[in-house]
Amino acid sequence: MEPFLFVLIVVGVALLVLGLWVILNYNRFIRLRQHIKESWSGIDVELKRRYELIPNLVETVKGYASHERGVFEEVTKLRNQAMANHGDADSQALDESKMLMGLKKLFAVAEAYPQLKSDTNFLALQREIALTEDRIAAARRFYNGNIRAMNQMCRSFPTNILARLFGFQTGTFFELESAAERVAPRVEL
């Protein structure tokens, strides 16, 4: 075999291997991007579910605690603010944190009314909100896992070269600000 032909074959195989590596990793980036969109959609669905439950809870508690108007208005305002936010994960996490704190105040008001704590509508709404919070937490973990994988690929060598070349970017985690806000709002009965 001639040396020129041998070099040509080696270069051809190397280019083929490099091409396959680029294609495989590009497709991996695409899959991750789709997983991120899908997981964000899961969070969005659960947040909308929560937004629908909150007005029902507020109305149920309002009947028992009509003089606690400020808390109801605050929860409603925070719910509307969180629902209207369609920005990035950081800004939505901030609004969600504020709303969770408002819900905790609402449940504290409910604690002051023993007859409310035994009302079946209140108990059903409380269970639904707790279930929704658990589902949001699961969706958040799925989303953050996909963001972690994308960030690792975008920052690790040599896939970081492909990320820059094809415009793939790191994402932001959907996190709550403090440990106190990470607890699902619940009322101990």
C-alpha atoms as a PDB file:
ATOM      1  CA  MET A   1       0.000   0.000   0.000  1.00  0.00           C
ATOM      2  CA  GLU A   2       1.324   3.378  -0.930  1.00  0.00           C
ATOM      3  CA  PRO A   3       2.020   5.825   1.915  1.00  0.00           C
ATOM      4  CA  PHE A   4      -0.203   8.474   0.322  1.00  0.00           C
ATOM      5  CA  LEU A   5      -3.155   6.071   0.135  1.00  0.00           C
ATOM      6  CA  PHE A   6      -2.586   4.963   3.753  1.00  0.00           C
ATOM      7  CA  VAL A   7      -2.541   8.599   4.972  1.00  0.00           C
ATOM      8  CA  LEU A   8      -5.670   9.297   2.949  1.00  0.00           C
ATOM      9  CA  ILE A   9      -7.480   6.332   4.550  1.00  0.00           C
ATOM     10  CA  VAL A  10      -6.380   7.345   8.065  1.00  0.00           C
ATOM     11  CA  VAL A  11      -7.490  10.946   7.500  1.00  0.00           C
ATOM     12  CA  GLY A  12     -10.793   9.720   6.015  1.00  0.00           C
ATOM     13  CA  VAL A  13     -11.472   7.441   9.005  1.00  0.00           C
ATOM     14  CA  ALA A  14     -10.555  10.237  11.431  1.00  0.00           C
ATOM     15  CA  LEU A  15     -12.926  12.640   9.642  1.00  0.00           C
ATOM     16  CA  LEU A  16     -15.664   9.996   9.648  1.00  0.00           C
ATOM     17  CA  VAL A  17     -15.229   9.397  13.396  1.00  0.00           C
ATOM     18  CA  LEU A  18     -15.208  13.148  14.055  1.00  0.00           C
ATOM     19  CA  GLY A  19     -18.316  13.596  11.894  1.00  0.00           C
ATOM     20  CA  LEU A  20     -20.151  10.816  13.739  1.00  0.00           C
ATOM     21  CA  TRP A  21     -19.149  12.330  17.085  1.00  0.00           C
ATOM     22  CA  VAL A  22     -20.462  15.753  15.999  1.00  0.00           C
ATOM     23  CA  ILE A  23     -23.742  14.281  14.760  1.00  0.00           C
ATOM     24  CA  LEU A  24     -24.298  12.184  17.896  1.00  0.00           C
ATOM     25  CA  ASN A  25     -23.554  15.044  20.271  1.00  0.00           C
ATOM     26  CA  TYR A  26     -25.593  17.534  18.250  1.00  0.00           C
ATOM     27  CA  ASN A  27     -28.560  15.169  18.467  1.00  0.00           C
ATOM     28  CA  ARG A  28     -27.939  14.817  22.203  1.00  0.00           C
ATOM     29  CA  PHE A  29     -28.129  18.610  22.574  1.00  0.00           C
ATOM     30  CA  ILE A  30     -31.389  18.635  20.607  1.00  0.00           C
ATOM     31  CA  ARG A  31     -32.863  15.883  22.815  1.00  0.00           C
ATOM     32  CA  LEU A  32     -31.863  17.770  25.959  1.00  0.00           C
ATOM     33  CA  ARG A  33     -33.398  20.979  24.658  1.00  0.00           C
ATOM     34  CA  GLN A  34     -36.654  19.123  23.982  1.00  0.00           C
ATOM     35  CA  HIS A  35     -36.563  17.510  27.443  1.00  0.00           C
ATOM     36  CA  ILE A  36     -36.134  20.966  28.975  1.00  0.00           C
ATOM     37  CA  LYS A  37     -39.134  22.303  27.055  1.00  0.00           C
ATOM     38  CA  GLU A  38     -41.199  19.276  28.045  1.00  0.00           C
ATOM     39  CA  SER A  39     -40.221  19.490  31.697  1.00  0.00           C
ATOM     40  CA  TRP A  40     -40.954  23.232  31.793  1.00  0.00           C
ATOM     41  CA  SER A  41     -44.345  22.460  30.327  1.00  0.00           C
ATOM     42  CA  GLY A  42     -44.935  20.034  33.216  1.00  0.00           C
ATOM     43  CA  ILE A  43     -44.160  22.778  35.721  1.00  0.00           C
ATOM     44  CA  ASP A  44     -46.434  25.168  33.859  1.00  0.00           C
ATOM     45  CA  VAL A  45     -49.354  22.715  33.941  1.00  0.00           C
ATOM     46  CA  GLU A  46     -49.017  22.209  37.690  1.00  0.00           C
ATOM     47  CA  LEU A  47     -48.684  25.942  38.343  1.00  0.00           C
ATOM     48  CA  LYS A  48     -51.887  26.562  36.385  1.00  0.00           C
ATOM     49  CA  ARG A  49     -53.592  23.870  38.439  1.00  0.00           C
ATOM     50  CA  ARG A  50     -52.454  25.650  41.579  1.00  0.00           C
ATOM     51  CA  TYR A  51     -53.687  28.995  40.256  1.00  0.00           C
ATOM     52  CA  GLU A  52     -57.132  27.485  39.703  1.00  0.00           C
ATOM     53  CA  LEU A  53     -57.278  26.004  43.204  1.00  0.00           C
ATOM     54  CA  ILE A  54     -56.236  29.146  45.068  1.00  0.00           C
ATOM     55  CA  PRO A  55     -59.372  31.219  44.298  1.00  0.00           C
ATOM     56  CA  ASN A  56     -61.520  28.329  45.537  1.00  0.00           C
ATOM     57  CA  LEU A  57     -59.529  28.143  48.755  1.00  0.00           C
ATOM     58  CA  VAL A  58     -59.714  31.899  49.235  1.00  0.00           C
ATOM     59  CA  GLU A  59     -63.485  31.880  48.754  1.00  0.00           C
ATOM     60  CA  THR A  60     -63.917  29.009  51.207  1.00  0.00           C
ATOM     61  CA  VAL A  61     -61.847  30.725  53.890  1.00  0.00           C
ATOM     62  CA  LYS A  62     -63.433  34.123  53.184  1.00  0.00           C
ATOM     63  CA  GLY A  63     -66.792  32.880  54.353  1.00  0.00           C
ATOM     64  CA  TYR A  64     -65.389  32.114  57.779  1.00  0.00           C
ATOM     65  CA  ALA A  65     -62.937  34.965  58.164  1.00  0.00           C
ATOM     66  CA  SER A  66     -64.525  37.982  56.538  1.00  0.00           C
ATOM     67  CA  HIS A  67     -62.523  40.513  58.598  1.00  0.00           C
ATOM     68  CA  GLU A  68     -59.169  39.140  57.322  1.00  0.00           C
ATOM     69  CA  ARG A  69     -59.623  40.923  54.010  1.00  0.00           C
ATOM     70  CA  GLY A  70     -55.977  42.031  53.635  1.00  0.00           C
ATOM     71  CA  VAL A  71     -54.682  38.453  53.544  1.00  0.00           C
ATOM     72  CA  PHE A  72     -57.192  37.468  50.851  1.00  0.00           C
ATOM     73  CA  GLU A  73     -56.340  40.475  48.724  1.00  0.00           C
ATOM     74  CA  GLU A  74     -52.621  39.790  49.098  1.00  0.00           C
ATOM     75  CA  VAL A  75     -52.957  36.119  48.109  1.00  0.00           C
ATOM     76  CA  THR A  76     -55.127  37.050  45.131  1.00  0.00           C
ATOM     77  CA  LYS A  77     -52.642  39.728  44.034  1.00  0.00           C
ATOM     78  CA  LEU A  78     -49.678  37.362  44.407  1.00  0.00           C
ATOM     79  CA  ARG A  79     -51.522  34.615  42.529  1.00  0.00           C
ATOM     80  CA  ASN A  80     -52.300  36.975  39.645  1.00  0.00           C
ATOM     81  CA  GLN A  81     -48.712  38.227  39.593  1.00  0.00           C
ATOM     82  CA  ALA A  82     -47.294  34.681  39.527  1.00  0.00           C
ATOM     83  CA  MET A  83     -49.800  33.592  36.894  1.00  0.00           C
ATOM     84  CA  ALA A  84     -48.934  36.541  34.634  1.00  0.00           C
ATOM     85  CA  ASN A  85     -45.180  35.905  34.807  1.00  0.00           C
ATOM     86  CA  HIS A  86     -43.995  34.096  31.687  1.00  0.00           C
ATOM     87  CA  GLY A  87     -40.328  35.036  32.061  1.00  0.00           C
ATOM     88  CA  ASP A  88     -37.347  32.887  32.827  1.00  0.00           C
ATOM     89  CA  ALA A  89     -37.118  30.359  35.645  1.00  0.00           C
ATOM     90  CA  ASP A  90     -35.503  32.888  38.025  1.00  0.00           C
ATOM     91  CA  SER A  91     -38.279  35.470  37.803  1.00  0.00           C
ATOM     92  CA  GLN A  92     -40.999  32.839  38.002  1.00  0.00           C
ATOM     93  CA  ALA A  93     -39.342  31.237  41.023  1.00  0.00           C
ATOM     94  CA  LEU A  94     -39.330  34.624  42.771  1.00  0.00           C
ATOM     95  CA  ASP A  95     -43.055  35.156  42.138  1.00  0.00           C
ATOM     96  CA  GLU A  96     -43.840  31.584  43.186  1.00  0.00           C
ATOM     97  CA  SER A  97     -41.886  32.085  46.425  1.00  0.00           C
ATOM     98  CA  LYS A  98     -43.891  35.194  47.236  1.00  0.00           C
ATOM     99  CA  MET A  99     -47.133  33.379  46.509  1.00  0.00           C
ATOM    100  CA  LEU A 100     -46.172  30.450  48.759  1.00  0.00           C
ATOM    101  CA  MET A 101     -45.545  32.872  51.599  1.00  0.00           C
ATOM    102  CA  GLY A 102     -48.998  34.381  50.989  1.00  0.00           C
ATOM    103  CA  LEU A 103     -50.564  30.911  51.075  1.00  0.00           C
ATOM    104  CA  LYS A 104     -48.876  30.259  54.404  1.00  0.00           C
ATOM    105  CA  LYS A 105     -50.498  33.430  55.758  1.00  0.00           C
ATOM    106  CA  LEU A 106     -53.858  32.257  54.433  1.00  0.00           C
ATOM    107  CA  PHE A 107     -53.470  28.894  56.153  1.00  0.00           C
ATOM    108  CA  ALA A 108     -52.505  30.712  59.346  1.00  0.00           C
ATOM    109  CA  VAL A 109     -55.810  32.618  59.128  1.00  0.00           C
ATOM    110  CA  ALA A 110     -57.593  29.301  58.639  1.00  0.00           C
ATOM    111  CA  GLU A 111     -55.964  27.988  61.814  1.00  0.00           C
ATOM    112  CA  ALA A 112     -57.818  30.651  63.788  1.00  0.00           C
ATOM    113  CA  TYR A 113     -61.211  29.236  62.751  1.00  0.00           C
ATOM    114  CA  PRO A 114     -61.757  25.734  64.188  1.00  0.00           C
ATOM    115  CA  GLN A 115     -65.051  25.248  62.349  1.00  0.00           C
ATOM    116  CA  LEU A 116     -63.235  25.908  59.043  1.00  0.00           C
ATOM    117  CA  LYS A 117     -60.626  23.251  59.743  1.00  0.00           C
ATOM    118  CA  SER A 118     -63.360  20.595  59.791  1.00  0.00           C
ATOM    119  CA  ASP A 119     -65.186  21.875  56.686  1.00  0.00           C
ATOM    120  CA  THR A 120     -65.041  19.242  53.948  1.00  0.00           C
ATOM    121  CA  ASN A 121     -64.585  21.814  51.158  1.00  0.00           C
ATOM    122  CA  PHE A 122     -61.628  23.351  52.960  1.00  0.00           C
ATOM    123  CA  LEU A 123     -60.089  19.956  53.654  1.00  0.00           C
ATOM    124  CA  ALA A 124     -60.516  18.889  50.025  1.00  0.00           C
ATOM    125  CA  LEU A 125     -58.913  22.092  48.755  1.00  0.00           C
ATOM    126  CA  GLN A 126     -56.108  21.778  51.286  1.00  0.00           C
ATOM    127  CA  ARG A 127     -55.389  18.214  50.115  1.00  0.00           C
ATOM    128  CA  GLU A 128     -55.470  19.302  46.464  1.00  0.00           C
ATOM    129  CA  ILE A 129     -53.056  22.152  47.090  1.00  0.00           C
ATOM    130  CA  ALA A 130     -50.693  19.855  49.011  1.00  0.00           C
ATOM    131  CA  LEU A 131     -50.891  17.307  46.170  1.00  0.00           C
ATOM    132  CA  THR A 132     -50.285  20.038  43.610  1.00  0.00           C
ATOM    133  CA  GLU A 133     -47.260  21.290  45.571  1.00  0.00           C
ATOM    134  CA  ASP A 134     -45.841  17.759  45.550  1.00  0.00           C
ATOM    135  CA  ARG A 135     -46.431  17.511  41.803  1.00  0.00           C
ATOM    136  CA  ILE A 136     -44.789  20.903  41.236  1.00  0.00           C
ATOM    137  CA  ALA A 137     -41.786  19.730  43.259  1.00  0.00           C
ATOM    138  CA  ALA A 138     -41.508  16.576  41.131  1.00  0.00           C
ATOM    139  CA  ALA A 139     -41.816  18.579  37.900  1.00  0.00           C
ATOM    140  CA  ARG A 140     -39.213  21.040  39.205  1.00  0.00           C
ATOM    141  CA  ARG A 141     -36.794  18.168  39.915  1.00  0.00           C
ATOM    142  CA  PHE A 142     -37.301  16.802  36.391  1.00  0.00           C
ATOM    143  CA  TYR A 143     -36.733  20.248  34.868  1.00  0.00           C
ATOM    144  CA  ASN A 144     -33.657  20.946  36.996  1.00  0.00           C
ATOM    145  CA  GLY A 145     -32.211  17.521  36.101  1.00  0.00           C
ATOM    146  CA  ASN A 146     -32.516  18.358  32.409  1.00  0.00           C
ATOM    147  CA  ILE A 147     -30.985  21.804  32.973  1.00  0.00           C
ATOM    148  CA  ARG A 148     -28.106  20.169  34.864  1.00  0.00           C
ATOM    149  CA  ALA A 149     -27.446  17.778  31.956  1.00  0.00           C
ATOM    150  CA  MET A 150     -27.550  20.626  29.414  1.00  0.00           C
ATOM    151  CA  ASN A 151     -25.262  22.794  31.543  1.00  0.00           C
ATOM    152  CA  GLN A 152     -22.776  19.930  31.906  1.00  0.00           C
ATOM    153  CA  MET A 153     -22.668  19.409  28.155  1.00  0.00           C
ATOM    154  CA  CYS A 154     -22.349  23.151  27.472  1.00  0.00           C
ATOM    155  CA  ARG A 155     -19.478  23.511  29.930  1.00  0.00           C
ATOM    156  CA  SER A 156     -17.586  20.225  29.454  1.00  0.00           C
ATOM    157  CA  PHE A 157     -14.802  19.830  26.955  1.00  0.00           C
ATOM    158  CA  PRO A 158     -15.084  18.986  24.048  1.00  0.00           C
ATOM    159  CA  THR A 159     -18.881  19.300  23.819  1.00  0.00           C
ATOM    160  CA  ASN A 160     -18.605  22.951  24.885  1.00  0.00           C
ATOM    161  CA  ILE A 161     -17.067  23.624  21.465  1.00  0.00           C
ATOM    162  CA  LEU A 162     -20.143  22.181  19.771  1.00  0.00           C
ATOM    163  CA  ALA A 163     -22.425  24.132  22.106  1.00  0.00           C
ATOM    164  CA  ARG A 164     -20.767  27.400  21.113  1.00  0.00           C
ATOM    165  CA  LEU A 165     -20.632  26.426  17.449  1.00  0.00           C
ATOM    166  CA  PHE A 166     -24.358  25.592  17.258  1.00  0.00           C
ATOM    167  CA  GLY A 167     -25.617  28.187  19.762  1.00  0.00           C
ATOM    168  CA  PHE A 168     -26.679  25.894  22.616  1.00  0.00           C
ATOM    169  CA  GLN A 169     -26.734  27.716  25.943  1.00  0.00           C
ATOM    170  CA  THR A 170     -26.840  26.862  29.613  1.00  0.00           C
ATOM    171  CA  GLY A 171     -30.136  27.222  31.440  1.00  0.00           C
ATOM    172  CA  THR A 172     -31.160  28.465  34.852  1.00  0.00           C
ATOM    173  CA  PHE A 173     -32.505  26.216  37.549  1.00  0.00           C
ATOM    174  CA  PHE A 174     -36.038  26.721  38.845  1.00  0.00           C
ATOM    175  CA  GLU A 175     -35.298  27.237  42.528  1.00  0.00           C
ATOM    176  CA  LEU A 176     -36.997  28.830  45.467  1.00  0.00           C
ATOM    177  CA  GLU A 177     -35.030  31.448  47.342  1.00  0.00           C
ATOM    178  CA  SER A 178     -34.997  30.172  50.908  1.00  0.00           C
ATOM    179  CA  ALA A 179     -35.353  26.864  52.702  1.00  0.00           C
ATOM    180  CA  ALA A 180     -38.512  28.088  54.470  1.00  0.00           C
ATOM    181  CA  GLU A 181     -40.206  28.642  51.120  1.00  0.00           C
ATOM    182  CA  ARG A 182     -39.393  25.139  49.941  1.00  0.00           C
ATOM    183  CA  VAL A 183     -41.903  23.567  52.297  1.00  0.00           C
ATOM    184  CA  ALA A 184     -45.309  22.888  50.783  1.00  0.00           C
ATOM    185  CA  PRO A 185     -47.983  24.975  52.515  1.00  0.00           C
ATOM    186  CA  ARG A 186     -49.920  22.705  54.872  1.00  0.00           C
ATOM    187  CA  VAL A 187     -52.114  23.126  57.857  1.00  0.00           C
ATOM    188  CA  GLU A 188     -51.676  20.783  60.761  1.00  0.00           C
ATOM    189  CA  LEU A 189     -55.080  19.675  62.050  1.00  0.00           C
END
